[in-house]
Amino acid sequence: MINQQEKNTDFYLHIVCFDVPFPANYGGAIESFYKIKSLHQLGVKIYLHCFIYDDRREQTALLEYCEKVFYYKRERNIKDVFSTIPFIVKSRANEKLLANLIQYDFPILFDATHCTAFIDHPALSKRKKVVRLHNIEWIYYRILLQHAVSLKDKIFFFQEYKKLRKYDKQFRLADAMSCLSQTDFEYYKDKFPAKKVQLDFVFHENEKIQSKIGKGDYILYHGNLSLSDNYSLVLDILHNDLKDCKHKIILAGKNPPNILADFVAQKSNIELIANPTNETLLKLIQDAHICLALAANPSGVKLKLINSLFNARFVISDDNTLTGSGLDALVYKTDETPLPELVDKLMKKTFTQDEIFDREKILMEKYNNQKNAQHILNLFV
């Protein structure tokens, strides 16, 4: 056993991630990576544990922020589908992870529900344990169930939804919980009134407001276009709300499907940019006159909303996207004014420094990575 007091005055911390958090190229990885980076900047000595599966592999870049990085294979056995423990948890119950958590006697940050398989293990009973909740997972799986097409998916999502709803009680074993949205915070505060539950908004890549004053000449939608929720929403908007739009529209995102590419090919005012680099995407966001931050469902905090408000001019959003974000005051809402009317109105306006000031007041208070990292760190004191 290595006792923290014997090392030095630095703070040592285990962080258990459900995935390899680099490259930070999707929501969960972005939240985890920038949290790790921010804690490292505060002087925390991190022992990182993460799971390899699909296309996520070992990353030497993580050693810039961590003292040690441990990798484990996520064991996705068919028999675990029939366990009473949710599959997202059971498939990460790796005995080597447990051994490493036991060997190094540091507090533990379980980064998402997925990573909490050993929260009730007797060998860790005296350890300080905090759960960072990325979502109310049973609600997320209920949404997946509602959108499932195949019978196989429907059965899996239904079973996982039921298990995750029961599994929530495991968080009573944590010393504290940190939530990344107002909605999740209110839910878990009500569920565990005697437990320390706090709100630390989602971590992200932005450090300052980079929006440009003035005007742009196009409307931008950016997001992961490989997700059916996203490309179906885009097609619906283009077929209906923006059917008669005369302004230039740019769609940018990861792996757009053929159905979207074929539709865009028939429209002279719409451009599709597949798999833009980070630099290209940032320029597209900054140069746009309007960014559409819209979503098909209210699950989770939408990072495209955060990125748009830090970097874009005018942002149009909706209740699905804004849920739990605390950012309603900074956007123009389709739930209050129809999208075609909003677009025509905003394309005539000039984005001003006053609107940047308004964003700074809210974003640098709620979405300040360093402040939120310190807030999470305080849970271990």
Protein backbone atom coordinates (compact mmCIF):
# COMPACT_ATOMS: atom_id res chain seq x y z
CA MET A 1 0.00 0.00 0.00
CA ILE A 2 1.20 3.51 -0.80
CA ASN A 3 -0.08 6.02 1.71
CA GLN A 4 -0.63 9.50 0.34
CA GLN A 5 0.73 11.13 3.48
CA GLU A 6 4.09 9.45 2.93
CA LYS A 7 4.56 10.90 -0.56
CA ASN A 8 4.39 14.70 -0.15
CA THR A 9 1.89 17.49 0.21
CA ASP A 10 0.66 17.10 -3.37
CA PHE A 11 -2.82 15.72 -3.84
CA TYR A 12 -2.99 12.29 -5.49
CA LEU A 13 -6.22 11.12 -7.09
CA HIS A 14 -7.50 8.09 -8.97
CA ILE A 15 -9.77 8.97 -11.91
CA VAL A 16 -11.64 6.07 -13.50
CA CYS A 17 -12.90 6.89 -17.03
CA PHE A 18 -15.37 4.77 -19.00
CA ASP A 19 -13.35 5.29 -22.20
CA VAL A 20 -9.93 6.54 -23.29
CA PRO A 21 -10.49 10.32 -23.00
CA PHE A 22 -8.13 11.28 -25.82
CA PRO A 23 -8.55 12.32 -28.55
CA ALA A 24 -11.28 14.56 -27.13
CA ASN A 25 -13.49 14.26 -30.20
CA TYR A 26 -16.93 13.49 -28.78
CA GLY A 27 -19.00 14.60 -25.79
CA GLY A 28 -17.97 12.09 -23.12
CA ALA A 29 -14.28 12.27 -24.02
CA ILE A 30 -14.34 16.08 -24.08
CA GLU A 31 -15.87 16.23 -20.60
CA SER A 32 -13.33 13.74 -19.21
CA PHE A 33 -10.23 15.12 -20.95
CA TYR A 34 -10.74 18.77 -20.04
CA LYS A 35 -11.58 17.80 -16.46
CA ILE A 36 -8.30 15.86 -16.27
CA LYS A 37 -6.42 18.78 -17.81
CA SER A 38 -7.99 21.28 -15.41
CA LEU A 39 -7.28 19.17 -12.32
CA HIS A 40 -3.69 18.72 -13.52
CA GLN A 41 -3.35 22.50 -13.83
CA LEU A 42 -4.42 22.76 -10.18
CA GLY A 43 -1.49 20.52 -9.24
CA VAL A 44 -3.39 17.25 -8.79
CA LYS A 45 -1.29 14.12 -9.36
CA ILE A 46 -3.59 11.87 -11.39
CA TYR A 47 -3.58 8.09 -11.63
CA LEU A 48 -5.83 7.58 -14.63
CA HIS A 49 -7.70 4.35 -15.38
CA CYS A 50 -9.49 3.93 -18.71
CA PHE A 51 -11.05 1.28 -20.91
CA ILE A 52 -10.00 0.26 -24.41
CA TYR A 53 -12.72 -0.77 -26.85
CA ASP A 54 -13.85 -0.07 -30.40
CA ASP A 55 -11.41 2.42 -31.95
CA ARG A 56 -10.12 3.94 -28.68
CA ARG A 57 -6.50 3.01 -27.98
CA GLU A 58 -3.59 3.86 -25.64
CA GLN A 59 -2.55 7.51 -25.88
CA THR A 60 0.89 8.74 -24.80
CA ALA A 61 -0.50 12.32 -24.81
CA LEU A 62 -2.30 11.55 -21.54
CA LEU A 63 1.04 11.23 -19.73
CA GLU A 64 1.38 15.01 -20.02
CA TYR A 65 -1.43 15.31 -17.47
CA CYS A 66 -1.20 12.08 -15.47
CA GLU A 67 1.43 10.43 -13.27
CA LYS A 68 0.34 7.00 -14.45
CA VAL A 69 -2.18 5.75 -16.99
CA PHE A 70 -3.65 2.26 -16.71
CA TYR A 71 -5.56 0.65 -19.58
CA TYR A 72 -8.07 -2.17 -19.33
CA LYS A 73 -9.96 -4.14 -21.90
CA ARG A 74 -13.69 -3.72 -21.69
CA GLU A 75 -15.06 -7.26 -21.52
CA ARG A 76 -18.34 -7.34 -23.42
CA ASN A 77 -19.52 -10.91 -22.85
CA ILE A 78 -22.99 -11.92 -23.96
CA LYS A 79 -23.63 -13.52 -20.56
CA ASP A 80 -23.26 -10.10 -18.89
CA VAL A 81 -26.34 -8.90 -20.73
CA PHE A 82 -28.30 -11.16 -18.38
CA SER A 83 -26.64 -9.86 -15.19
CA THR A 84 -28.71 -7.81 -12.73
CA ILE A 85 -25.96 -5.17 -12.95
CA PRO A 86 -26.28 -2.76 -15.91
CA PHE A 87 -24.17 -3.87 -18.86
CA ILE A 88 -22.39 -0.51 -19.07
CA VAL A 89 -21.17 -1.14 -15.51
CA LYS A 90 -20.66 -4.91 -15.57
CA SER A 91 -18.50 -4.78 -18.71
CA ARG A 92 -16.07 -2.50 -16.84
CA ALA A 93 -15.80 -4.57 -13.64
CA ASN A 94 -12.18 -5.42 -14.36
CA GLU A 95 -10.27 -7.15 -11.53
CA LYS A 96 -7.01 -5.47 -12.56
CA LEU A 97 -8.69 -2.10 -12.06
CA LEU A 98 -9.72 -3.14 -8.56
CA ALA A 99 -6.19 -4.34 -7.77
CA ASN A 100 -4.70 -1.01 -8.85
CA LEU A 101 -7.26 0.99 -6.87
CA ILE A 102 -6.37 -1.06 -3.80
CA GLN A 103 -2.61 -0.83 -4.33
CA TYR A 104 -2.47 2.97 -4.46
CA ASP A 105 -4.23 4.39 -1.41
CA PHE A 106 -5.66 7.56 -2.95
CA PRO A 107 -9.18 8.98 -3.13
CA ILE A 108 -11.23 7.99 -6.19
CA LEU A 109 -13.21 9.96 -8.74
CA PHE A 110 -15.52 7.60 -10.60
CA ASP A 111 -16.05 9.50 -13.86
CA ALA A 112 -19.58 8.45 -14.91
CA THR A 113 -21.99 5.75 -13.78
CA HIS A 114 -20.25 3.27 -16.10
CA CYS A 115 -17.13 3.22 -13.87
CA THR A 116 -18.73 2.51 -10.49
CA ALA A 117 -18.59 -1.30 -10.40
CA PHE A 118 -16.36 -1.28 -7.31
CA ILE A 119 -17.99 1.56 -5.41
CA ASP A 120 -19.33 -0.96 -2.88
CA HIS A 121 -16.19 -3.10 -2.59
CA PRO A 122 -15.13 -3.68 1.05
CA ALA A 123 -11.46 -3.04 0.23
CA LEU A 124 -12.37 0.52 -0.75
CA SER A 125 -14.78 1.18 2.12
CA LYS A 126 -12.46 3.66 3.87
CA ARG A 127 -11.53 5.45 0.67
CA LYS A 128 -12.96 8.87 -0.19
CA LYS A 129 -15.16 8.33 -3.26
CA VAL A 130 -16.85 10.89 -5.52
CA VAL A 131 -19.04 10.08 -8.53
CA ARG A 132 -19.07 12.51 -11.47
CA LEU A 133 -22.43 11.97 -13.15
CA HIS A 134 -22.46 12.58 -16.91
CA ASN A 135 -26.17 11.90 -17.18
CA ILE A 136 -29.21 10.38 -15.53
CA GLU A 137 -28.42 7.17 -17.36
CA TRP A 138 -31.76 5.41 -16.97
CA ILE A 139 -33.50 8.38 -18.59
CA TYR A 140 -30.94 8.34 -21.41
CA TYR A 141 -31.60 4.63 -22.03
CA ARG A 142 -35.32 5.23 -21.97
CA ILE A 143 -34.82 7.76 -24.77
CA LEU A 144 -32.67 5.25 -26.69
CA LEU A 145 -35.48 2.72 -26.27
CA GLN A 146 -38.03 5.18 -27.70
CA HIS A 147 -35.86 5.68 -30.79
CA ALA A 148 -34.76 2.06 -31.24
CA VAL A 149 -35.67 0.38 -34.53
CA SER A 150 -34.55 -3.24 -34.28
CA LEU A 151 -36.09 -5.72 -31.84
CA LYS A 152 -32.61 -6.57 -30.54
CA ASP A 153 -31.92 -2.93 -29.64
CA LYS A 154 -35.35 -2.49 -28.09
CA ILE A 155 -34.84 -5.49 -25.80
CA PHE A 156 -31.31 -4.40 -24.79
CA PHE A 157 -32.26 -0.77 -24.12
CA PHE A 158 -35.35 -1.80 -22.15
CA GLN A 159 -33.36 -4.17 -19.94
CA GLU A 160 -30.60 -1.60 -19.43
CA TYR A 161 -33.14 1.11 -18.62
CA LYS A 162 -34.71 -1.06 -15.88
CA LYS A 163 -31.33 -2.04 -14.40
CA LEU A 164 -29.98 1.50 -14.40
CA ARG A 165 -33.07 2.83 -12.67
CA LYS A 166 -32.48 0.38 -9.81
CA TYR A 167 -28.71 0.91 -9.88
CA ASP A 168 -29.06 4.58 -8.95
CA LYS A 169 -29.24 3.55 -5.30
CA GLN A 170 -25.55 2.59 -5.44
CA PHE A 171 -24.61 6.26 -5.34
CA ARG A 172 -25.57 6.35 -1.67
CA LEU A 173 -22.16 4.70 -1.15
CA ALA A 174 -20.33 7.71 -2.57
CA ASP A 175 -19.11 10.45 -0.25
CA ALA A 176 -20.35 13.02 -2.75
CA MET A 177 -21.72 13.47 -6.25
CA SER A 178 -20.91 16.06 -8.90
CA CYS A 179 -23.47 16.75 -11.66
CA LEU A 180 -22.82 18.53 -14.96
CA SER A 181 -26.31 19.91 -15.57
CA GLN A 182 -28.95 21.71 -13.52
CA THR A 183 -31.50 19.00 -14.36
CA ASP A 184 -29.28 16.17 -13.07
CA PHE A 185 -28.35 18.18 -9.98
CA GLU A 186 -31.99 18.73 -9.01
CA TYR A 187 -32.82 15.06 -9.60
CA TYR A 188 -29.98 13.67 -7.47
CA LYS A 189 -30.31 16.33 -4.76
CA ASP A 190 -33.93 15.30 -4.35
CA LYS A 191 -33.08 11.58 -4.48
CA PHE A 192 -30.26 11.81 -1.92
CA PRO A 193 -31.19 14.72 0.40
CA ALA A 194 -28.65 13.69 3.04
CA LYS A 195 -25.79 13.36 0.54
CA LYS A 196 -23.40 16.06 -0.69
CA VAL A 197 -24.53 16.73 -4.27
CA GLN A 198 -23.19 19.71 -6.19
CA LEU A 199 -23.48 21.26 -9.63
CA ASP A 200 -20.28 21.68 -11.69
CA PHE A 201 -21.21 22.40 -15.28
CA VAL A 202 -19.72 20.36 -18.11
CA PHE A 203 -16.01 20.68 -18.94
CA HIS A 204 -15.16 21.83 -22.46
CA GLU A 205 -12.35 23.08 -24.70
CA ASN A 206 -12.99 26.84 -24.47
CA GLU A 207 -11.03 29.23 -22.26
CA LYS A 208 -12.41 32.57 -23.43
CA ILE A 209 -15.11 34.12 -25.61
CA GLN A 210 -13.88 34.28 -29.22
CA SER A 211 -17.05 35.52 -30.92
CA LYS A 212 -16.59 38.18 -33.59
CA ILE A 213 -18.63 41.37 -33.68
CA GLY A 214 -20.22 42.32 -36.98
CA LYS A 215 -22.02 40.15 -39.51
CA GLY A 216 -21.55 36.87 -41.35
CA ASP A 217 -23.34 35.69 -44.48
CA TYR A 218 -24.41 32.13 -43.69
CA ILE A 219 -26.24 29.89 -41.24
CA LEU A 220 -24.32 26.98 -39.71
CA TYR A 221 -25.40 23.68 -38.21
CA HIS A 222 -22.52 21.66 -36.74
CA GLY A 223 -22.59 18.33 -34.93
CA ASN A 224 -21.97 14.61 -35.27
CA LEU A 225 -23.85 13.93 -38.50
CA SER A 226 -23.36 10.17 -38.22
CA LEU A 227 -25.94 10.11 -35.40
CA SER A 228 -29.46 9.47 -36.65
CA ASP A 229 -30.88 11.97 -34.13
CA ASN A 230 -28.76 14.73 -35.65
CA TYR A 231 -29.07 14.06 -39.37
CA SER A 232 -32.80 13.29 -39.08
CA LEU A 233 -33.29 16.61 -37.30
CA VAL A 234 -31.31 18.46 -39.98
CA LEU A 235 -33.31 16.85 -42.79
CA ASP A 236 -36.56 17.72 -41.04
CA ILE A 237 -35.50 21.37 -40.65
CA LEU A 238 -34.39 21.63 -44.28
CA HIS A 239 -37.57 19.95 -45.55
CA ASN A 240 -39.85 22.16 -43.44
CA ASP A 241 -38.74 25.23 -41.46
CA LEU A 242 -35.95 26.28 -43.83
CA LYS A 243 -37.50 24.91 -47.00
CA ASP A 244 -37.82 28.38 -48.52
CA CYS A 245 -34.70 29.88 -46.93
CA LYS A 246 -32.74 32.06 -49.40
CA HIS A 247 -29.69 32.45 -47.16
CA LYS A 248 -26.62 30.26 -47.48
CA ILE A 249 -26.64 27.23 -45.14
CA ILE A 250 -23.58 25.20 -44.19
CA LEU A 251 -23.77 21.78 -42.52
CA ALA A 252 -20.53 20.57 -40.93
CA GLY A 253 -19.84 17.41 -39.00
CA LYS A 254 -18.60 13.89 -38.65
CA ASN A 255 -19.44 11.19 -41.21
CA PRO A 256 -22.64 12.56 -42.79
CA PRO A 257 -24.82 9.79 -44.30
CA ASN A 258 -25.54 9.48 -48.02
CA ILE A 259 -29.17 10.47 -47.51
CA LEU A 260 -28.02 13.88 -46.28
CA ALA A 261 -25.33 14.29 -48.95
CA ASP A 262 -27.84 13.41 -51.69
CA PHE A 263 -30.34 15.95 -50.40
CA VAL A 264 -27.74 18.73 -50.18
CA ALA A 265 -26.54 18.00 -53.74
CA GLN A 266 -29.94 19.15 -55.00
CA LYS A 267 -29.83 22.49 -53.18
CA SER A 268 -27.77 25.40 -54.50
CA ASN A 269 -27.80 27.34 -51.22
CA ILE A 270 -26.68 24.44 -48.97
CA GLU A 271 -23.10 23.21 -48.53
CA LEU A 272 -22.04 20.06 -46.68
CA ILE A 273 -18.57 19.89 -45.11
CA ALA A 274 -17.73 16.36 -43.94
CA ASN A 275 -15.25 15.71 -41.13
CA PRO A 276 -13.84 19.24 -40.76
CA THR A 277 -10.62 19.62 -38.75
CA ASN A 278 -10.91 21.39 -35.39
CA GLU A 279 -9.36 24.50 -36.93
CA THR A 280 -11.77 24.48 -39.88
CA LEU A 281 -14.78 23.97 -37.62
CA LEU A 282 -13.75 26.82 -35.31
CA LYS A 283 -13.43 29.17 -38.30
CA LEU A 284 -16.83 28.05 -39.63
CA ILE A 285 -18.42 28.77 -36.24
CA GLN A 286 -16.74 32.16 -35.86
CA ASP A 287 -17.53 33.34 -39.40
CA ALA A 288 -21.19 32.25 -39.40
CA HIS A 289 -23.87 34.84 -38.77
CA ILE A 290 -26.16 32.30 -37.07
CA CYS A 291 -25.37 28.96 -35.43
CA LEU A 292 -28.22 26.48 -35.05
CA ALA A 293 -27.80 24.66 -31.72
CA LEU A 294 -30.82 22.36 -31.92
CA ALA A 295 -31.45 18.84 -30.64
CA ALA A 296 -33.95 16.03 -31.09
CA ASN A 297 -34.05 15.07 -27.39
CA PRO A 298 -33.22 16.71 -24.03
CA SER A 299 -30.72 14.10 -22.79
CA GLY A 300 -27.38 15.47 -21.59
CA VAL A 301 -25.69 18.84 -22.00
CA LYS A 302 -25.06 19.68 -25.65
CA LEU A 303 -21.45 20.75 -26.20
CA LYS A 304 -22.34 22.27 -29.57
CA LEU A 305 -24.35 24.83 -27.58
CA ILE A 306 -21.35 25.64 -25.36
CA ASN A 307 -18.95 25.86 -28.31
CA SER A 308 -21.36 28.08 -30.24
CA LEU A 309 -21.80 30.54 -27.36
CA PHE A 310 -18.04 30.79 -26.81
CA ASN A 311 -17.22 31.26 -30.50
CA ALA A 312 -20.21 32.21 -32.64
CA ARG A 313 -22.30 35.28 -33.28
CA PHE A 314 -26.04 34.71 -32.94
CA VAL A 315 -27.17 31.33 -31.58
CA ILE A 316 -30.63 29.85 -32.16
CA SER A 317 -31.56 27.04 -29.81
CA ASP A 318 -34.50 25.12 -28.34
CA ASP A 319 -35.68 23.59 -25.06
CA ASN A 320 -34.22 20.17 -25.90
CA THR A 321 -30.75 21.69 -26.21
CA LEU A 322 -31.00 24.13 -23.30
CA THR A 323 -32.33 21.70 -20.67
CA GLY A 324 -30.13 21.89 -17.58
CA SER A 325 -27.60 24.27 -19.14
CA GLY A 326 -28.59 27.53 -17.45
CA LEU A 327 -27.95 29.35 -20.75
CA ASP A 328 -31.47 30.29 -21.89
CA ALA A 329 -30.77 34.02 -21.59
CA LEU A 330 -27.96 33.88 -24.18
CA VAL A 331 -29.84 32.38 -27.14
CA TYR A 332 -32.80 33.00 -29.40
CA LYS A 333 -35.37 30.24 -28.88
CA THR A 334 -37.44 28.47 -31.51
CA ASP A 335 -39.91 27.56 -28.76
CA GLU A 336 -40.80 31.27 -28.54
CA THR A 337 -40.45 32.41 -32.18
CA PRO A 338 -40.73 30.20 -35.31
CA LEU A 339 -37.34 29.35 -36.87
CA PRO A 340 -37.95 31.03 -40.29
CA GLU A 341 -38.96 34.26 -38.55
CA LEU A 342 -35.94 34.14 -36.23
CA VAL A 343 -33.54 33.55 -39.12
CA ASP A 344 -34.89 36.46 -41.17
CA LYS A 345 -34.79 38.77 -38.15
CA LEU A 346 -31.24 37.88 -37.09
CA MET A 347 -29.74 37.97 -40.59
CA LYS A 348 -30.54 41.71 -40.57
CA LYS A 349 -28.90 42.36 -37.20
CA THR A 350 -25.29 43.14 -36.32
CA PHE A 351 -23.64 41.19 -33.51
CA THR A 352 -22.28 43.64 -30.93
CA GLN A 353 -19.75 43.84 -28.11
CA ASP A 354 -22.61 44.16 -25.62
CA GLU A 355 -23.75 40.62 -26.48
CA ILE A 356 -20.21 39.36 -25.87
CA PHE A 357 -20.25 41.05 -22.45
CA ASP A 358 -23.54 39.31 -21.64
CA ARG A 359 -21.99 35.95 -22.52
CA GLU A 360 -18.87 36.60 -20.46
CA LYS A 361 -20.92 37.25 -17.31
CA ILE A 362 -22.69 33.88 -17.51
CA LEU A 363 -20.22 31.60 -19.30
CA MET A 364 -17.16 32.57 -17.28
CA GLU A 365 -19.15 32.05 -14.09
CA LYS A 366 -20.88 28.74 -14.86
CA TYR A 367 -18.59 27.20 -17.50
CA ASN A 368 -15.18 28.12 -16.07
CA ASN A 369 -13.14 24.89 -16.16
CA GLN A 370 -10.66 25.95 -13.47
CA LYS A 371 -13.38 27.06 -11.10
CA ASN A 372 -15.37 23.85 -11.58
CA ALA A 373 -12.25 21.68 -11.20
CA GLN A 374 -11.48 23.38 -7.87
CA HIS A 375 -15.10 22.85 -6.83
CA ILE A 376 -14.80 19.11 -7.50
CA LEU A 377 -11.45 18.98 -5.72
CA ASN A 378 -13.06 20.52 -2.64
CA LEU A 379 -15.31 17.45 -2.38
CA PHE A 380 -12.29 15.38 -1.36
CA VAL A 381 -11.26 17.66 1.51
